[in-house]
Amino acid sequence: MAESTLAPGRRSTAPERAHRRDWMGLVYVAPVMLVLLVVLILPAGFAIYYSLLKLQSVRPVGFAGLENYQRVFSDPEMVEVLVRTLGFAVVTVALTLAAALVVAVFLDRLTTGRATAVQILVVLPWVISTIVGALLFRWFFVADISPGVYLASLLGLHIKPLTDPTLAMVTLILVALWRTLGFAVLILLAGIKAIPAEYYESATVDGANTGQQFRLITLPMLKTPLVITTVVLTMSNLNNVEAPLVTTGGGPGDATQILPLSIYQQAFTHFDFSGGVALASVALVLNVGLVFAYLRLARWSV
């Protein structure tokens, strides 16, 4: 078909056909690249540019260089915020992956009707607003007459999770876990469904029990879904401002103060837009680093 458009007596060569395919590929991806340029690349570039300026409100009044970064990171509390953010992300992702793997294996063994009902319950927190989920947890734990505090008192536990530093962070982790569990379950369940049944049948014939099949077949075959889920969940938790803002507000004290909340408060509570943009640029670098890590891990997992 492609050769019919050429002049009579002339056949297209392989390099010419490859060249046309390359141009067609660029035509197909151009709209997506344009959208990414407008909504992602340009705003990121402006953020880095503004982080190097002195801002009065949001109006540039001079060049600051690295002064904004130096001022923000000279705050002794910022190191604690970064460590706390890393701990929050690592613990949340680890617990979410473990819970999602258990739920995905359980769903794989259910009949279609029951599996659909459980999937709806698991995915529901993921499709609702993060603000709504955070408000539900705050209502569940916030007061003496809240359901969570009342149920704990029936068990002899007189606790107020949102006023205790350790329990407040545990609550924040539970909010993030509850919110993202559905996404992780869907990815891992799709990976489990893609594993050929013949592998398990052969393992059963060879005498492998359920635990051995999970360790020797399921986990290795889930390498790519696990990598994807880990990177996406890590990025999600490193950029999660809604949950700490609504659930704990960073308190009690600074117990749940993490980087996304610090960026928000720096810019919109203290009106230090220079410091807020500098912190946002640091968060951007962390996210880009995670993307490159994902690309490297994706090659390894294939």
Protein backbone atom coordinates (compact mmCIF):
# COMPACT_ATOMS: atom_id res chain seq x y z
CA MET A 1 0.00 0.00 0.00
CA ALA A 2 2.80 2.40 0.90
CA GLU A 3 4.64 1.67 -2.36
CA SER A 4 1.64 2.66 -4.50
CA THR A 5 2.09 6.32 -3.58
CA LEU A 6 5.59 6.44 -5.04
CA ALA A 7 6.53 7.41 -8.56
CA PRO A 8 6.27 4.57 -11.10
CA GLY A 9 9.29 2.38 -11.26
CA ARG A 10 10.58 3.45 -7.83
CA ARG A 11 10.41 1.30 -4.71
CA SER A 12 10.84 2.68 -1.19
CA THR A 13 13.96 1.49 0.55
CA ALA A 14 14.04 0.14 4.09
CA PRO A 15 15.63 3.35 5.53
CA GLU A 16 12.91 5.43 3.88
CA ARG A 17 10.16 3.26 5.35
CA ALA A 18 11.80 3.46 8.78
CA HIS A 19 12.08 7.25 8.43
CA ARG A 20 8.35 7.51 7.64
CA ARG A 21 7.50 5.34 10.64
CA ASP A 22 9.60 7.58 12.88
CA TRP A 23 7.78 10.68 11.64
CA MET A 24 4.39 9.01 12.10
CA GLY A 25 5.38 8.07 15.65
CA LEU A 26 6.24 11.71 16.39
CA VAL A 27 2.89 12.82 14.96
CA TYR A 28 1.03 10.39 17.22
CA VAL A 29 2.83 11.40 20.44
CA ALA A 30 2.94 15.15 19.68
CA PRO A 31 -0.44 15.97 21.35
CA VAL A 32 0.58 14.15 24.52
CA MET A 33 3.98 15.85 24.55
CA LEU A 34 2.28 19.23 24.12
CA VAL A 35 0.00 18.59 27.09
CA LEU A 36 2.95 17.46 29.22
CA LEU A 37 4.88 20.57 28.17
CA VAL A 38 2.06 22.89 29.23
CA VAL A 39 0.94 21.22 32.46
CA LEU A 40 4.20 19.69 33.71
CA ILE A 41 7.48 20.79 32.15
CA LEU A 42 6.83 24.55 31.94
CA PRO A 43 5.45 24.83 35.50
CA ALA A 44 8.44 22.83 36.81
CA GLY A 45 10.83 25.11 34.95
CA PHE A 46 9.12 28.22 36.33
CA ALA A 47 9.25 26.76 39.86
CA ILE A 48 13.01 26.24 39.65
CA TYR A 49 13.45 29.72 38.14
CA TYR A 50 11.39 31.40 40.88
CA SER A 51 13.29 29.50 43.57
CA LEU A 52 16.36 31.53 42.53
CA LEU A 53 14.59 34.88 42.91
CA LYS A 54 13.72 37.16 45.80
CA LEU A 55 9.93 37.33 45.99
CA GLN A 56 7.78 39.95 47.61
CA SER A 57 4.49 38.13 47.90
CA VAL A 58 4.58 36.52 44.44
CA ARG A 59 6.35 39.39 42.65
CA PRO A 60 10.08 39.02 41.83
CA VAL A 61 12.16 41.86 43.31
CA GLY A 62 15.67 40.58 42.68
CA PHE A 63 17.99 37.63 42.18
CA ALA A 64 18.68 35.45 45.22
CA GLY A 65 20.70 32.59 43.78
CA LEU A 66 20.87 29.74 46.29
CA GLU A 67 19.96 32.01 49.20
CA ASN A 68 16.41 30.65 49.43
CA TYR A 69 17.70 27.07 49.63
CA GLN A 70 20.32 28.03 52.22
CA ARG A 71 17.75 29.85 54.34
CA VAL A 72 15.25 27.00 54.24
CA PHE A 73 17.75 24.23 54.98
CA SER A 74 19.53 26.21 57.69
CA ASP A 75 16.42 25.61 59.77
CA PRO A 76 17.40 22.74 62.13
CA GLU A 77 13.87 21.35 61.96
CA MET A 78 14.12 20.78 58.20
CA VAL A 79 16.43 17.77 58.63
CA GLU A 80 13.86 16.23 60.97
CA VAL A 81 11.11 16.93 58.43
CA LEU A 82 13.05 15.16 55.67
CA VAL A 83 13.84 12.16 57.88
CA ARG A 84 10.22 12.00 59.03
CA THR A 85 9.01 12.20 55.42
CA LEU A 86 11.32 9.39 54.35
CA GLY A 87 10.22 7.22 57.29
CA PHE A 88 6.55 7.91 56.57
CA ALA A 89 6.95 6.99 52.89
CA VAL A 90 9.00 3.82 53.52
CA VAL A 91 6.73 2.44 56.25
CA THR A 92 3.54 3.28 54.37
CA VAL A 93 4.73 1.72 51.11
CA ALA A 94 6.01 -1.42 52.86
CA LEU A 95 2.74 -1.95 54.77
CA THR A 96 0.63 -1.19 51.70
CA LEU A 97 2.55 -3.67 49.53
CA ALA A 98 2.32 -6.39 52.17
CA ALA A 99 -1.42 -5.86 52.69
CA ALA A 100 -2.08 -5.58 48.95
CA LEU A 101 -0.21 -8.79 48.23
CA VAL A 102 -2.27 -10.68 50.82
CA VAL A 103 -5.55 -9.24 49.52
CA ALA A 104 -4.62 -9.89 45.87
CA VAL A 105 -3.78 -13.55 46.56
CA PHE A 106 -7.03 -13.90 48.52
CA LEU A 107 -9.08 -12.34 45.70
CA ASP A 108 -7.45 -14.61 43.14
CA ARG A 109 -8.83 -17.64 44.98
CA LEU A 110 -12.40 -16.35 45.27
CA THR A 111 -15.21 -17.04 42.85
CA THR A 112 -16.05 -14.28 40.37
CA GLY A 113 -19.07 -12.89 42.25
CA ARG A 114 -17.40 -12.76 45.64
CA ALA A 115 -14.16 -11.42 44.19
CA THR A 116 -16.04 -8.54 42.50
CA ALA A 117 -17.78 -7.58 45.75
CA VAL A 118 -14.50 -7.56 47.70
CA GLN A 119 -12.73 -5.62 44.94
CA ILE A 120 -15.38 -2.89 45.12
CA LEU A 121 -14.86 -2.56 48.87
CA VAL A 122 -11.08 -2.44 48.48
CA VAL A 123 -11.03 -0.01 45.54
CA LEU A 124 -13.66 2.36 46.99
CA PRO A 125 -11.21 4.32 49.21
CA TRP A 126 -8.95 4.86 46.20
CA VAL A 127 -11.68 6.40 44.02
CA ILE A 128 -13.07 8.78 46.65
CA SER A 129 -11.42 12.10 47.44
CA THR A 130 -8.37 12.05 49.71
CA ILE A 131 -9.90 14.94 51.65
CA VAL A 132 -13.04 12.89 52.33
CA GLY A 133 -11.00 9.90 53.51
CA ALA A 134 -8.85 12.08 55.78
CA LEU A 135 -11.94 13.73 57.25
CA LEU A 136 -13.44 10.29 57.97
CA PHE A 137 -10.33 9.25 59.91
CA ARG A 138 -10.25 12.56 61.78
CA TRP A 139 -13.90 12.14 62.76
CA PHE A 140 -13.20 8.54 63.80
CA PHE A 141 -10.39 9.52 66.21
CA VAL A 142 -10.64 13.22 66.99
CA ALA A 143 -12.81 13.50 70.12
CA ASP A 144 -13.59 11.66 73.34
CA ILE A 145 -16.95 10.55 71.94
CA SER A 146 -15.57 9.46 68.54
CA PRO A 147 -16.13 5.81 67.48
CA GLY A 148 -12.43 4.93 67.50
CA VAL A 149 -11.79 6.26 71.01
CA TYR A 150 -14.98 4.61 72.28
CA LEU A 151 -14.09 1.21 70.81
CA ALA A 152 -10.59 1.47 72.28
CA SER A 153 -12.07 2.25 75.70
CA LEU A 154 -14.17 -0.92 75.50
CA LEU A 155 -10.89 -2.82 75.14
CA GLY A 156 -9.44 -1.00 78.13
CA LEU A 157 -7.29 1.32 76.01
CA HIS A 158 -7.74 4.95 77.02
CA ILE A 159 -6.02 6.65 74.09
CA LYS A 160 -6.43 9.79 72.02
CA PRO A 161 -4.57 9.04 68.79
CA LEU A 162 -4.48 12.57 67.42
CA THR A 163 -3.00 14.07 70.59
CA ASP A 164 -0.23 11.48 71.01
CA PRO A 165 2.84 12.04 68.75
CA THR A 166 3.45 8.37 67.99
CA LEU A 167 -0.21 7.45 67.53
CA ALA A 168 -0.78 10.51 65.34
CA MET A 169 1.90 9.29 62.92
CA VAL A 170 0.39 5.79 63.04
CA THR A 171 -2.99 7.31 62.19
CA LEU A 172 -1.47 9.22 59.27
CA ILE A 173 0.13 6.02 57.96
CA LEU A 174 -3.22 4.22 58.24
CA VAL A 175 -4.93 7.00 56.27
CA ALA A 176 -2.35 6.72 53.47
CA LEU A 177 -2.51 2.90 53.51
CA TRP A 178 -6.31 2.85 53.42
CA ARG A 179 -6.30 5.40 50.60
CA THR A 180 -3.80 3.64 48.29
CA LEU A 181 -4.49 -0.03 49.05
CA GLY A 182 -7.01 -0.35 46.22
CA PHE A 183 -4.52 0.81 43.57
CA ALA A 184 -1.87 -1.64 44.77
CA VAL A 185 -4.36 -4.51 44.89
CA LEU A 186 -5.50 -3.88 41.31
CA ILE A 187 -1.95 -3.84 39.94
CA LEU A 188 -0.85 -6.96 41.83
CA LEU A 189 -4.06 -8.85 41.11
CA ALA A 190 -3.64 -8.16 37.40
CA GLY A 191 -0.09 -9.52 37.66
CA ILE A 192 -1.29 -12.67 39.42
CA LYS A 193 -4.02 -13.25 36.82
CA ALA A 194 -1.38 -13.02 34.07
CA ILE A 195 0.64 -15.94 35.50
CA PRO A 196 -0.12 -19.10 33.43
CA ALA A 197 -2.01 -21.74 35.39
CA GLU A 198 0.29 -24.40 33.91
CA TYR A 199 3.11 -23.18 36.15
CA TYR A 200 1.13 -24.00 39.29
CA GLU A 201 -0.09 -27.30 37.86
CA SER A 202 3.48 -28.38 37.11
CA ALA A 203 4.60 -27.29 40.59
CA THR A 204 1.78 -29.29 42.17
CA VAL A 205 2.79 -32.37 40.21
CA ASP A 206 6.37 -31.87 41.42
CA GLY A 207 5.12 -31.83 45.01
CA ALA A 208 5.46 -28.09 45.79
CA ASN A 209 3.12 -26.87 48.53
CA THR A 210 1.24 -23.55 48.53
CA GLY A 211 4.01 -21.65 50.28
CA GLN A 212 6.66 -22.92 47.90
CA GLN A 213 4.52 -22.05 44.89
CA PHE A 214 4.06 -18.52 46.20
CA ARG A 215 7.78 -18.09 46.86
CA LEU A 216 9.09 -19.73 43.68
CA ILE A 217 6.40 -18.77 41.15
CA THR A 218 4.14 -15.93 42.30
CA LEU A 219 6.73 -13.54 43.72
CA PRO A 220 9.25 -13.82 40.83
CA MET A 221 6.45 -13.37 38.27
CA LEU A 222 5.22 -10.27 40.12
CA LYS A 223 8.58 -8.51 39.87
CA THR A 224 7.42 -5.87 37.38
CA PRO A 225 4.04 -5.10 39.08
CA LEU A 226 5.84 -4.82 42.42
CA VAL A 227 8.37 -2.36 40.97
CA ILE A 228 5.62 -0.24 39.39
CA THR A 229 3.54 -0.22 42.57
CA THR A 230 6.51 0.62 44.79
CA VAL A 231 7.59 3.63 42.73
CA VAL A 232 4.05 4.99 42.25
CA LEU A 233 3.18 4.62 45.94
CA THR A 234 6.45 6.23 47.00
CA MET A 235 5.81 9.23 44.76
CA SER A 236 2.22 9.43 46.02
CA ASN A 237 3.29 9.50 49.66
CA LEU A 238 6.11 11.97 49.06
CA ASN A 239 3.53 14.36 47.56
CA ASN A 240 0.65 13.69 49.94
CA VAL A 241 -0.36 17.02 51.47
CA GLU A 242 -4.10 16.41 51.91
CA ALA A 243 -3.87 13.62 54.50
CA PRO A 244 -1.58 15.38 57.03
CA LEU A 245 -3.23 18.77 56.43
CA VAL A 246 -6.74 17.51 57.18
CA THR A 247 -6.07 14.68 59.64
CA THR A 248 -3.41 16.10 61.97
CA GLY A 249 -2.34 19.51 60.64
CA GLY A 250 1.25 18.44 61.25
CA GLY A 251 0.67 17.98 64.97
CA PRO A 252 0.73 17.34 67.76
CA GLY A 253 3.76 19.62 67.77
CA ASP A 254 5.69 18.61 64.63
CA ALA A 255 5.05 14.85 65.01
CA THR A 256 3.41 14.52 61.59
CA GLN A 257 5.10 17.43 59.81
CA ILE A 258 6.25 16.03 56.47
CA LEU A 259 7.72 17.74 53.39
CA PRO A 260 4.53 18.30 51.33
CA LEU A 261 2.82 19.90 54.33
CA SER A 262 5.90 22.07 55.00
CA ILE A 263 5.78 23.32 51.40
CA TYR A 264 2.10 24.21 51.75
CA GLN A 265 2.53 25.95 55.09
CA GLN A 266 5.68 27.80 54.00
CA ALA A 267 3.86 29.32 51.03
CA PHE A 268 0.24 29.69 52.11
CA THR A 269 0.42 29.95 55.91
CA HIS A 270 3.65 31.92 56.44
CA PHE A 271 3.44 33.56 52.98
CA ASP A 272 7.11 32.79 52.40
CA PHE A 273 6.75 31.98 48.71
CA SER A 274 10.51 32.00 48.13
CA GLY A 275 11.03 29.28 50.73
CA GLY A 276 7.97 27.36 49.56
CA VAL A 277 9.18 27.31 45.95
CA ALA A 278 12.67 26.23 47.08
CA LEU A 279 11.18 23.30 49.01
CA ALA A 280 8.93 22.45 46.05
CA SER A 281 12.00 22.34 43.81
CA VAL A 282 13.64 19.90 46.20
CA ALA A 283 10.50 17.74 46.07
CA LEU A 284 10.65 17.94 42.26
CA VAL A 285 14.22 16.62 42.28
CA LEU A 286 13.16 13.75 44.54
CA ASN A 287 10.33 12.84 42.17
CA VAL A 288 12.56 12.98 39.11
CA GLY A 289 15.02 10.74 40.93
CA LEU A 290 12.24 8.24 41.58
CA VAL A 291 11.29 8.28 37.89
CA PHE A 292 14.87 7.46 36.88
CA ALA A 293 14.97 4.76 39.57
CA TYR A 294 11.79 3.29 38.11
CA LEU A 295 13.25 3.25 34.61
CA ARG A 296 16.34 1.42 35.84
CA LEU A 297 14.31 -1.04 37.90
CA ALA A 298 11.91 -1.61 34.99
CA ARG A 299 14.82 -2.76 32.82
CA TRP A 300 16.02 -5.03 35.62
CA SER A 301 12.58 -6.54 36.20
CA VAL A 302 11.95 -7.48 32.56
